[in-house]
Amino acid sequence: MVSRMTLRPVLTALALVLGVLFAPGVGVLGGGATQAHADTKLTHAQATARFSSSGITWSSSGNCSDRNVSTCTSFDQLNLATAQGAQTLKSATGCALNITGGTETGHASGTYSHWNGYKLDFGKSTCLTNYVHGVFTYIGLRGDGAPQYKAGSGNIYADEGNHWDVTYYNCGGC
């Protein structure tokens, strides 16, 4: 029979091991590619400097960058991993990339949203579409009917008709 003096340390050790295995983004069972993490946030200027250095362009229908105006394209509060993910995409595809949506208001809400720094919209191009279709895995339709493709990194590309809506859970292998 196991005494309480022996059982308590064993249970404590087991709890610690299970805590590590199931901690979001840490353990082998945590599924790190889809877990929310405390991300480093960028200013608009920091993000545009990164994009410029990689040859990524951006545009807005309002010709502005105010986060609080829906017709602007802002990168204020963009996650560093999201900016790095765009840079990885540019490097991997060799395609011209133009960002048409960032962290500005007016997009759908949620944990992995534009506002929270996890998403970017890219203008459609034959080069980018062929890359997504040829390299990533089709995973079905999103609730709104947008076809979705999953990169090996776990990032999700949704075809919204005139642009790609990309959710970056990580930097895509940067």
N, C-alpha and C. Protein backbone atom coordinates (compact mmCIF):
# COMPACT_ATOMS: atom_id res chain seq x y z
N MET A 1 0.84 -1.18 0.00
CA MET A 1 0.00 0.00 0.00
C MET A 1 0.88 1.24 0.00
N VAL A 2 0.52 2.24 -0.81
CA VAL A 2 1.29 3.47 -0.92
C VAL A 2 0.86 4.43 0.17
N SER A 3 1.82 4.98 0.88
CA SER A 3 1.48 5.93 1.94
C SER A 3 1.28 7.32 1.36
N ARG A 4 0.64 8.19 2.13
CA ARG A 4 0.43 9.57 1.70
C ARG A 4 1.75 10.28 1.51
N MET A 5 2.75 9.95 2.30
CA MET A 5 4.06 10.58 2.22
C MET A 5 4.73 10.26 0.89
N THR A 6 4.45 9.12 0.30
CA THR A 6 5.04 8.72 -0.98
C THR A 6 4.18 9.21 -2.14
N LEU A 7 2.89 9.19 -1.99
CA LEU A 7 1.97 9.53 -3.07
C LEU A 7 1.99 11.03 -3.41
N ARG A 8 2.07 11.89 -2.41
CA ARG A 8 2.02 13.34 -2.65
C ARG A 8 3.13 13.81 -3.59
N PRO A 9 4.41 13.47 -3.38
CA PRO A 9 5.46 13.92 -4.30
C PRO A 9 5.28 13.36 -5.72
N VAL A 10 4.77 12.14 -5.82
CA VAL A 10 4.54 11.54 -7.14
C VAL A 10 3.45 12.30 -7.87
N LEU A 11 2.36 12.63 -7.21
CA LEU A 11 1.27 13.38 -7.83
C LEU A 11 1.72 14.80 -8.21
N THR A 12 2.51 15.41 -7.35
CA THR A 12 3.03 16.75 -7.65
C THR A 12 3.91 16.72 -8.90
N ALA A 13 4.78 15.73 -8.99
CA ALA A 13 5.65 15.60 -10.17
C ALA A 13 4.82 15.36 -11.43
N LEU A 14 3.80 14.51 -11.32
CA LEU A 14 2.93 14.23 -12.46
C LEU A 14 2.21 15.50 -12.90
N ALA A 15 1.73 16.28 -11.97
CA ALA A 15 1.03 17.54 -12.30
C ALA A 15 1.98 18.50 -13.02
N LEU A 16 3.21 18.58 -12.58
CA LEU A 16 4.19 19.45 -13.23
C LEU A 16 4.48 19.00 -14.66
N VAL A 17 4.66 17.72 -14.85
CA VAL A 17 4.93 17.17 -16.19
C VAL A 17 3.75 17.44 -17.11
N LEU A 18 2.55 17.18 -16.65
CA LEU A 18 1.36 17.42 -17.47
C LEU A 18 1.20 18.90 -17.77
N GLY A 19 1.52 19.74 -16.81
CA GLY A 19 1.46 21.19 -17.03
C GLY A 19 2.37 21.63 -18.15
N VAL A 20 3.56 21.08 -18.23
CA VAL A 20 4.50 21.41 -19.29
C VAL A 20 4.02 20.87 -20.63
N LEU A 21 3.53 19.65 -20.64
CA LEU A 21 3.07 19.04 -21.90
C LEU A 21 1.89 19.78 -22.51
N PHE A 22 1.01 20.30 -21.67
CA PHE A 22 -0.21 20.92 -22.19
C PHE A 22 -0.20 22.45 -22.13
N ALA A 23 0.89 23.06 -21.72
CA ALA A 23 0.96 24.52 -21.69
C ALA A 23 0.89 25.07 -23.11
N PRO A 24 0.09 26.11 -23.35
CA PRO A 24 -0.06 26.65 -24.71
C PRO A 24 1.28 27.06 -25.31
N GLY A 25 1.56 26.49 -26.47
CA GLY A 25 2.75 26.86 -27.21
C GLY A 25 4.06 26.35 -26.64
N VAL A 26 4.02 25.53 -25.60
CA VAL A 26 5.26 25.09 -24.96
C VAL A 26 5.50 23.61 -25.16
N GLY A 27 4.58 22.80 -24.72
CA GLY A 27 4.79 21.36 -24.71
C GLY A 27 4.60 20.72 -26.06
N VAL A 28 4.95 19.45 -26.12
CA VAL A 28 4.85 18.71 -27.38
C VAL A 28 3.40 18.50 -27.79
N LEU A 29 2.47 18.60 -26.87
CA LEU A 29 1.07 18.44 -27.21
C LEU A 29 0.34 19.77 -27.26
N GLY A 30 1.05 20.87 -27.11
CA GLY A 30 0.44 22.18 -27.00
C GLY A 30 -0.05 22.76 -28.31
N GLY A 31 0.40 22.25 -29.46
CA GLY A 31 -0.09 22.79 -30.72
C GLY A 31 0.33 24.23 -30.92
N GLY A 32 1.57 24.57 -30.64
CA GLY A 32 2.06 25.93 -30.62
C GLY A 32 1.69 26.80 -31.81
N ALA A 33 1.46 26.22 -32.99
CA ALA A 33 1.18 27.03 -34.16
C ALA A 33 -0.17 27.72 -34.08
N THR A 34 -1.05 27.29 -33.21
CA THR A 34 -2.36 27.91 -33.16
C THR A 34 -2.68 28.47 -31.77
N GLN A 35 -1.69 28.68 -30.95
CA GLN A 35 -1.93 29.22 -29.62
C GLN A 35 -1.63 30.72 -29.59
N ALA A 36 -2.44 31.46 -28.84
CA ALA A 36 -2.19 32.90 -28.68
C ALA A 36 -0.95 33.08 -27.81
N HIS A 37 -0.12 33.99 -28.21
CA HIS A 37 1.09 34.29 -27.45
C HIS A 37 1.16 35.79 -27.22
N ALA A 38 1.84 36.19 -26.17
CA ALA A 38 2.09 37.60 -25.97
C ALA A 38 3.14 38.01 -27.00
N ASP A 39 2.71 38.78 -27.99
CA ASP A 39 3.59 39.13 -29.09
C ASP A 39 4.17 40.52 -28.91
N THR A 40 5.35 40.71 -29.46
CA THR A 40 5.95 42.03 -29.54
C THR A 40 5.14 42.84 -30.53
N LYS A 41 4.71 44.01 -30.15
CA LYS A 41 3.91 44.88 -31.01
C LYS A 41 4.82 45.91 -31.69
N LEU A 42 4.52 46.18 -32.95
CA LEU A 42 5.28 47.15 -33.73
C LEU A 42 4.50 48.45 -33.89
N THR A 43 5.23 49.52 -34.11
CA THR A 43 4.60 50.77 -34.52
C THR A 43 4.41 50.70 -36.04
N HIS A 44 3.64 51.61 -36.57
CA HIS A 44 3.45 51.67 -38.03
C HIS A 44 4.81 51.86 -38.71
N ALA A 45 5.62 52.75 -38.17
CA ALA A 45 6.93 53.04 -38.78
C ALA A 45 7.85 51.82 -38.74
N GLN A 46 7.85 51.08 -37.65
CA GLN A 46 8.69 49.88 -37.56
C GLN A 46 8.26 48.84 -38.59
N ALA A 47 6.95 48.65 -38.73
CA ALA A 47 6.44 47.67 -39.69
C ALA A 47 6.75 48.08 -41.12
N THR A 48 6.51 49.35 -41.46
CA THR A 48 6.76 49.78 -42.84
C THR A 48 8.25 49.71 -43.18
N ALA A 49 9.11 49.93 -42.21
CA ALA A 49 10.55 49.79 -42.45
C ALA A 49 10.88 48.34 -42.80
N ARG A 50 10.28 47.39 -42.08
CA ARG A 50 10.49 45.97 -42.37
C ARG A 50 9.97 45.63 -43.77
N PHE A 51 8.77 46.08 -44.08
CA PHE A 51 8.17 45.77 -45.38
C PHE A 51 8.99 46.38 -46.51
N SER A 52 9.39 47.62 -46.36
CA SER A 52 10.21 48.28 -47.39
C SER A 52 11.50 47.53 -47.64
N SER A 53 12.14 47.08 -46.57
CA SER A 53 13.42 46.38 -46.71
C SER A 53 13.27 45.05 -47.43
N SER A 54 12.05 44.50 -47.44
CA SER A 54 11.79 43.22 -48.12
C SER A 54 11.14 43.40 -49.48
N GLY A 55 10.87 44.63 -49.87
CA GLY A 55 10.24 44.87 -51.17
C GLY A 55 8.74 44.66 -51.15
N ILE A 56 8.13 44.73 -49.98
CA ILE A 56 6.68 44.60 -49.85
C ILE A 56 6.08 46.00 -49.86
N THR A 57 5.04 46.18 -50.67
CA THR A 57 4.36 47.47 -50.73
C THR A 57 3.05 47.41 -49.96
N TRP A 58 2.42 48.56 -49.76
CA TRP A 58 1.13 48.64 -49.10
C TRP A 58 0.37 49.82 -49.68
N SER A 59 -0.94 49.72 -49.58
CA SER A 59 -1.79 50.80 -50.08
C SER A 59 -3.07 50.84 -49.27
N SER A 60 -3.78 51.97 -49.35
CA SER A 60 -5.07 52.09 -48.68
C SER A 60 -6.00 52.89 -49.56
N SER A 61 -7.27 52.56 -49.50
CA SER A 61 -8.24 53.29 -50.31
C SER A 61 -8.35 54.74 -49.85
N GLY A 62 -8.03 55.01 -48.59
CA GLY A 62 -8.09 56.37 -48.06
C GLY A 62 -6.76 57.11 -48.11
N ASN A 63 -5.72 56.45 -48.63
CA ASN A 63 -4.38 57.04 -48.70
C ASN A 63 -3.93 57.56 -47.33
N CYS A 64 -4.06 56.68 -46.30
CA CYS A 64 -3.76 57.08 -44.94
C CYS A 64 -3.32 55.87 -44.11
N SER A 65 -2.91 56.12 -42.87
CA SER A 65 -2.44 55.03 -42.00
C SER A 65 -3.01 55.11 -40.59
N ASP A 66 -4.12 55.82 -40.40
CA ASP A 66 -4.74 55.97 -39.08
C ASP A 66 -5.47 54.68 -38.70
N ARG A 67 -5.05 54.09 -37.62
CA ARG A 67 -5.62 52.82 -37.13
C ARG A 67 -7.13 52.91 -36.87
N ASN A 68 -7.60 54.09 -36.56
CA ASN A 68 -9.00 54.27 -36.20
C ASN A 68 -9.91 54.65 -37.38
N VAL A 69 -9.37 54.62 -38.59
CA VAL A 69 -10.14 54.94 -39.79
C VAL A 69 -10.14 53.71 -40.70
N SER A 70 -11.32 53.19 -41.02
CA SER A 70 -11.41 51.92 -41.74
C SER A 70 -10.88 51.98 -43.18
N THR A 71 -10.81 53.15 -43.79
CA THR A 71 -10.30 53.24 -45.16
C THR A 71 -8.78 53.39 -45.21
N CYS A 72 -8.15 53.42 -44.06
CA CYS A 72 -6.68 53.50 -43.99
C CYS A 72 -6.10 52.09 -43.93
N THR A 73 -4.80 51.98 -44.16
CA THR A 73 -4.07 50.73 -43.91
C THR A 73 -3.02 51.05 -42.87
N SER A 74 -3.24 50.54 -41.67
CA SER A 74 -2.35 50.81 -40.54
C SER A 74 -1.63 49.54 -40.11
N PHE A 75 -0.43 49.72 -39.59
CA PHE A 75 0.32 48.60 -39.02
C PHE A 75 0.63 48.86 -37.55
N ASP A 76 0.03 49.88 -36.98
CA ASP A 76 0.21 50.17 -35.57
C ASP A 76 -0.32 49.01 -34.75
N GLN A 77 0.47 48.47 -33.85
CA GLN A 77 0.14 47.32 -32.99
C GLN A 77 0.16 45.99 -33.74
N LEU A 78 0.81 45.94 -34.90
CA LEU A 78 0.98 44.69 -35.64
C LEU A 78 1.95 43.80 -34.86
N ASN A 79 1.67 42.52 -34.78
CA ASN A 79 2.59 41.60 -34.12
C ASN A 79 3.86 41.47 -34.94
N LEU A 80 4.99 41.42 -34.27
CA LEU A 80 6.27 41.22 -34.94
C LEU A 80 6.22 39.96 -35.79
N ALA A 81 5.66 38.88 -35.25
CA ALA A 81 5.59 37.61 -35.99
C ALA A 81 4.77 37.75 -37.27
N THR A 82 3.76 38.61 -37.27
CA THR A 82 2.95 38.84 -38.46
C THR A 82 3.77 39.55 -39.52
N ALA A 83 4.51 40.58 -39.14
CA ALA A 83 5.38 41.28 -40.08
C ALA A 83 6.44 40.32 -40.63
N GLN A 84 7.02 39.52 -39.75
CA GLN A 84 8.02 38.54 -40.19
C GLN A 84 7.38 37.50 -41.11
N GLY A 85 6.14 37.13 -40.84
CA GLY A 85 5.43 36.19 -41.70
C GLY A 85 5.26 36.72 -43.11
N ALA A 86 4.95 38.00 -43.23
CA ALA A 86 4.83 38.62 -44.55
C ALA A 86 6.19 38.62 -45.25
N GLN A 87 7.24 38.90 -44.50
CA GLN A 87 8.59 38.88 -45.07
C GLN A 87 8.96 37.47 -45.53
N THR A 88 8.60 36.47 -44.75
CA THR A 88 8.86 35.08 -45.12
C THR A 88 8.10 34.73 -46.39
N LEU A 89 6.84 35.16 -46.48
CA LEU A 89 6.03 34.90 -47.67
C LEU A 89 6.66 35.53 -48.90
N LYS A 90 7.11 36.76 -48.78
CA LYS A 90 7.76 37.45 -49.91
C LYS A 90 9.00 36.69 -50.35
N SER A 91 9.80 36.28 -49.41
CA SER A 91 11.03 35.55 -49.71
C SER A 91 10.74 34.19 -50.34
N ALA A 92 9.75 33.48 -49.82
CA ALA A 92 9.44 32.14 -50.31
C ALA A 92 8.81 32.16 -51.70
N THR A 93 7.96 33.15 -51.97
CA THR A 93 7.22 33.18 -53.23
C THR A 93 7.96 33.91 -54.34
N GLY A 94 8.70 34.95 -53.98
CA GLY A 94 9.31 35.82 -55.00
C GLY A 94 8.28 36.69 -55.68
N CYS A 95 7.03 36.64 -55.22
CA CYS A 95 5.94 37.42 -55.82
C CYS A 95 5.97 38.86 -55.32
N ALA A 96 5.43 39.75 -56.14
CA ALA A 96 5.18 41.11 -55.68
C ALA A 96 4.05 41.03 -54.66
N LEU A 97 4.23 41.60 -53.49
CA LEU A 97 3.20 41.59 -52.46
C LEU A 97 2.78 43.01 -52.14
N ASN A 98 1.47 43.25 -52.13
CA ASN A 98 0.93 44.55 -51.75
C ASN A 98 -0.09 44.33 -50.63
N ILE A 99 0.19 44.92 -49.48
CA ILE A 99 -0.70 44.79 -48.33
C ILE A 99 -1.81 45.84 -48.46
N THR A 100 -3.05 45.38 -48.36
CA THR A 100 -4.20 46.28 -48.49
C THR A 100 -4.99 46.40 -47.19
N GLY A 101 -4.63 45.63 -46.19
CA GLY A 101 -5.31 45.70 -44.90
C GLY A 101 -4.37 45.30 -43.79
N GLY A 102 -4.41 46.06 -42.71
CA GLY A 102 -3.55 45.79 -41.55
C GLY A 102 -4.36 45.78 -40.27
N THR A 103 -3.97 46.62 -39.33
CA THR A 103 -4.59 46.61 -38.00
C THR A 103 -5.68 47.66 -37.84
N GLU A 104 -6.08 48.28 -38.91
CA GLU A 104 -7.10 49.33 -38.81
C GLU A 104 -8.48 48.76 -38.44
N THR A 105 -9.31 49.62 -37.92
CA THR A 105 -10.67 49.23 -37.57
C THR A 105 -11.47 48.86 -38.82
N GLY A 106 -12.54 48.11 -38.62
CA GLY A 106 -13.41 47.78 -39.74
C GLY A 106 -13.37 46.33 -40.16
N HIS A 107 -12.44 45.56 -39.60
CA HIS A 107 -12.35 44.13 -39.90
C HIS A 107 -13.12 43.35 -38.84
N ALA A 108 -13.33 42.08 -39.08
CA ALA A 108 -14.00 41.22 -38.10
C ALA A 108 -13.20 41.16 -36.80
N SER A 109 -13.92 41.01 -35.70
CA SER A 109 -13.26 40.95 -34.39
C SER A 109 -12.85 39.52 -34.06
N GLY A 110 -12.22 39.35 -32.93
CA GLY A 110 -11.81 38.03 -32.47
C GLY A 110 -10.37 38.04 -31.99
N THR A 111 -9.99 36.95 -31.37
CA THR A 111 -8.63 36.86 -30.83
C THR A 111 -7.59 37.02 -31.93
N TYR A 112 -7.74 36.27 -33.01
CA TYR A 112 -6.76 36.30 -34.10
C TYR A 112 -7.26 37.24 -35.20
N SER A 113 -7.41 38.50 -34.85
CA SER A 113 -8.00 39.49 -35.75
C SER A 113 -6.96 40.47 -36.29
N HIS A 114 -7.41 41.26 -37.25
CA HIS A 114 -6.58 42.35 -37.76
C HIS A 114 -6.24 43.29 -36.61
N TRP A 115 -7.25 43.71 -35.86
CA TRP A 115 -7.06 44.69 -34.78
C TRP A 115 -6.03 44.21 -33.77
N ASN A 116 -6.02 42.91 -33.48
CA ASN A 116 -5.08 42.35 -32.50
C ASN A 116 -3.71 42.03 -33.08
N GLY A 117 -3.52 42.34 -34.37
CA GLY A 117 -2.19 42.23 -34.97
C GLY A 117 -1.85 40.92 -35.62
N TYR A 118 -2.82 40.01 -35.76
CA TYR A 118 -2.56 38.68 -36.31
C TYR A 118 -2.80 38.56 -37.81
N LYS A 119 -3.45 39.55 -38.43
CA LYS A 119 -3.86 39.39 -39.83
C LYS A 119 -3.36 40.51 -40.72
N LEU A 120 -3.12 40.13 -41.97
CA LEU A 120 -2.85 41.08 -43.04
C LEU A 120 -3.66 40.67 -44.26
N ASP A 121 -4.08 41.64 -45.04
CA ASP A 121 -4.71 41.38 -46.33
C ASP A 121 -3.71 41.70 -47.43
N PHE A 122 -3.61 40.80 -48.41
CA PHE A 122 -2.73 41.00 -49.56
C PHE A 122 -3.57 41.07 -50.83
N GLY A 123 -3.25 42.04 -51.68
CA GLY A 123 -3.93 42.12 -52.97
C GLY A 123 -3.69 40.84 -53.75
N LYS A 124 -4.70 40.42 -54.51
CA LYS A 124 -4.60 39.20 -55.32
C LYS A 124 -3.65 39.40 -56.49
N SER A 125 -2.89 38.37 -56.78
CA SER A 125 -2.06 38.32 -57.98
C SER A 125 -1.99 36.86 -58.41
N THR A 126 -1.77 36.65 -59.68
CA THR A 126 -1.65 35.28 -60.20
C THR A 126 -0.50 34.56 -59.52
N CYS A 127 0.60 35.27 -59.33
CA CYS A 127 1.78 34.67 -58.70
C CYS A 127 1.45 34.16 -57.29
N LEU A 128 0.85 35.02 -56.46
CA LEU A 128 0.54 34.63 -55.08
C LEU A 128 -0.51 33.53 -55.03
N THR A 129 -1.55 33.66 -55.84
CA THR A 129 -2.60 32.64 -55.86
C THR A 129 -2.06 31.28 -56.29
N ASN A 130 -1.23 31.26 -57.33
CA ASN A 130 -0.63 29.99 -57.77
C ASN A 130 0.24 29.38 -56.68
N TYR A 131 0.97 30.22 -55.96
CA TYR A 131 1.82 29.72 -54.88
C TYR A 131 0.96 29.10 -53.77
N VAL A 132 -0.05 29.82 -53.32
CA VAL A 132 -0.92 29.31 -52.24
C VAL A 132 -1.57 28.00 -52.66
N HIS A 133 -2.12 27.96 -53.87
CA HIS A 133 -2.79 26.74 -54.34
C HIS A 133 -1.81 25.58 -54.53
N GLY A 134 -0.59 25.88 -54.94
CA GLY A 134 0.38 24.83 -55.24
C GLY A 134 1.16 24.31 -54.05
N VAL A 135 1.30 25.13 -53.02
CA VAL A 135 2.17 24.76 -51.90
C VAL A 135 1.40 24.45 -50.62
N PHE A 136 0.33 25.19 -50.37
CA PHE A 136 -0.41 25.02 -49.12
C PHE A 136 -1.54 24.02 -49.28
N THR A 137 -2.07 23.54 -48.17
CA THR A 137 -3.11 22.52 -48.16
C THR A 137 -4.50 23.14 -48.04
N TYR A 138 -5.37 22.78 -48.96
CA TYR A 138 -6.76 23.25 -48.89
C TYR A 138 -7.42 22.60 -47.67
N ILE A 139 -8.06 23.42 -46.82
CA ILE A 139 -8.67 22.88 -45.60
C ILE A 139 -10.18 23.12 -45.52
N GLY A 140 -10.77 23.60 -46.60
CA GLY A 140 -12.22 23.79 -46.61
C GLY A 140 -12.63 25.24 -46.56
N LEU A 141 -13.93 25.42 -46.50
CA LEU A 141 -14.48 26.77 -46.51
C LEU A 141 -14.60 27.32 -45.10
N ARG A 142 -14.30 28.60 -44.97
CA ARG A 142 -14.49 29.32 -43.72
C ARG A 142 -16.00 29.54 -43.54
N GLY A 143 -16.43 29.93 -42.40
CA GLY A 143 -17.85 30.15 -42.13
C GLY A 143 -18.53 31.09 -43.11
N ASP A 144 -17.77 32.05 -43.63
CA ASP A 144 -18.34 33.01 -44.59
C ASP A 144 -18.22 32.53 -46.03
N GLY A 145 -17.73 31.30 -46.23
CA GLY A 145 -17.62 30.73 -47.57
C GLY A 145 -16.28 30.91 -48.24
N ALA A 146 -15.34 31.58 -47.60
CA ALA A 146 -14.02 31.80 -48.19
C ALA A 146 -13.21 30.51 -48.16
N PRO A 147 -12.67 30.08 -49.32
CA PRO A 147 -11.79 28.90 -49.33
C PRO A 147 -10.54 29.17 -48.50
N GLN A 148 -10.12 28.19 -47.71
CA GLN A 148 -8.96 28.36 -46.84
C GLN A 148 -7.85 27.37 -47.18
N TYR A 149 -6.62 27.84 -47.02
CA TYR A 149 -5.43 27.03 -47.26
C TYR A 149 -4.52 27.19 -46.06
N LYS A 150 -3.92 26.07 -45.65
CA LYS A 150 -3.05 26.08 -44.47
C LYS A 150 -1.61 25.84 -44.87
N ALA A 151 -0.74 26.74 -44.45
CA ALA A 151 0.69 26.59 -44.68
C ALA A 151 1.24 25.55 -43.71
N GLY A 152 2.40 25.01 -44.00
CA GLY A 152 3.05 24.05 -43.12
C GLY A 152 3.28 24.63 -41.73
N SER A 153 3.42 25.93 -41.64
CA SER A 153 3.65 26.61 -40.36
C SER A 153 2.39 26.70 -39.51
N GLY A 154 1.23 26.46 -40.14
CA GLY A 154 -0.04 26.59 -39.43
C GLY A 154 -0.78 27.87 -39.76
N ASN A 155 -0.13 28.80 -40.46
CA ASN A 155 -0.78 30.05 -40.84
C ASN A 155 -1.87 29.75 -41.87
N ILE A 156 -2.94 30.54 -41.83
CA ILE A 156 -4.12 30.28 -42.67
C ILE A 156 -4.31 31.41 -43.69
N TYR A 157 -4.50 31.00 -44.94
CA TYR A 157 -4.73 31.91 -46.06
C TYR A 157 -6.17 31.72 -46.54
N ALA A 158 -6.99 32.78 -46.45
CA ALA A 158 -8.39 32.70 -46.88
C ALA A 158 -8.57 33.58 -48.12
N ASP A 159 -9.14 33.01 -49.16
CA ASP A 159 -9.39 33.71 -50.41
C ASP A 159 -10.72 34.47 -50.29
N GLU A 160 -10.64 35.78 -50.12
CA GLU A 160 -11.84 36.60 -49.95
C GLU A 160 -12.27 37.26 -51.26
N GLY A 161 -11.88 36.68 -52.37
CA GLY A 161 -12.31 37.20 -53.68
C GLY A 161 -11.30 38.13 -54.29
N ASN A 162 -11.21 39.35 -53.79
CA ASN A 162 -10.26 40.32 -54.36
C ASN A 162 -8.97 40.45 -53.56
N HIS A 163 -8.85 39.69 -52.48
CA HIS A 163 -7.61 39.71 -51.70
C HIS A 163 -7.47 38.43 -50.87
N TRP A 164 -6.25 38.20 -50.40
CA TRP A 164 -5.98 37.09 -49.48
C TRP A 164 -5.98 37.64 -48.06
N ASP A 165 -6.76 37.04 -47.19
CA ASP A 165 -6.82 37.38 -45.77
C ASP A 165 -5.96 36.34 -45.05
N VAL A 166 -4.84 36.76 -44.48
CA VAL A 166 -3.88 35.81 -43.91
C VAL A 166 -3.81 35.98 -42.39
N THR A 167 -3.97 34.86 -41.69
CA THR A 167 -3.84 34.83 -40.24
C THR A 167 -2.48 34.24 -39.91
N TYR A 168 -1.66 35.06 -39.25
CA TYR A 168 -0.32 34.63 -38.85
C TYR A 168 -0.31 34.25 -37.38
N TYR A 169 -0.20 32.94 -37.12
CA TYR A 169 -0.02 32.47 -35.77
C TYR A 169 1.46 32.50 -35.38
N ASN A 170 2.32 32.58 -36.38
CA ASN A 170 3.77 32.61 -36.18
C ASN A 170 4.40 33.24 -37.42
N CYS A 171 5.71 33.32 -37.42
CA CYS A 171 6.42 34.02 -38.50
C CYS A 171 6.60 33.17 -39.77
N GLY A 172 6.09 31.98 -39.78
CA GLY A 172 6.15 31.16 -40.99
C GLY A 172 7.50 30.57 -41.28
N GLY A 173 8.33 30.41 -40.27
CA GLY A 173 9.64 29.80 -40.47
C GLY A 173 10.77 30.80 -40.62
N CYS A 174 10.58 31.99 -40.13
CA CYS A 174 11.61 33.03 -40.27
C CYS A 174 12.90 32.66 -39.56
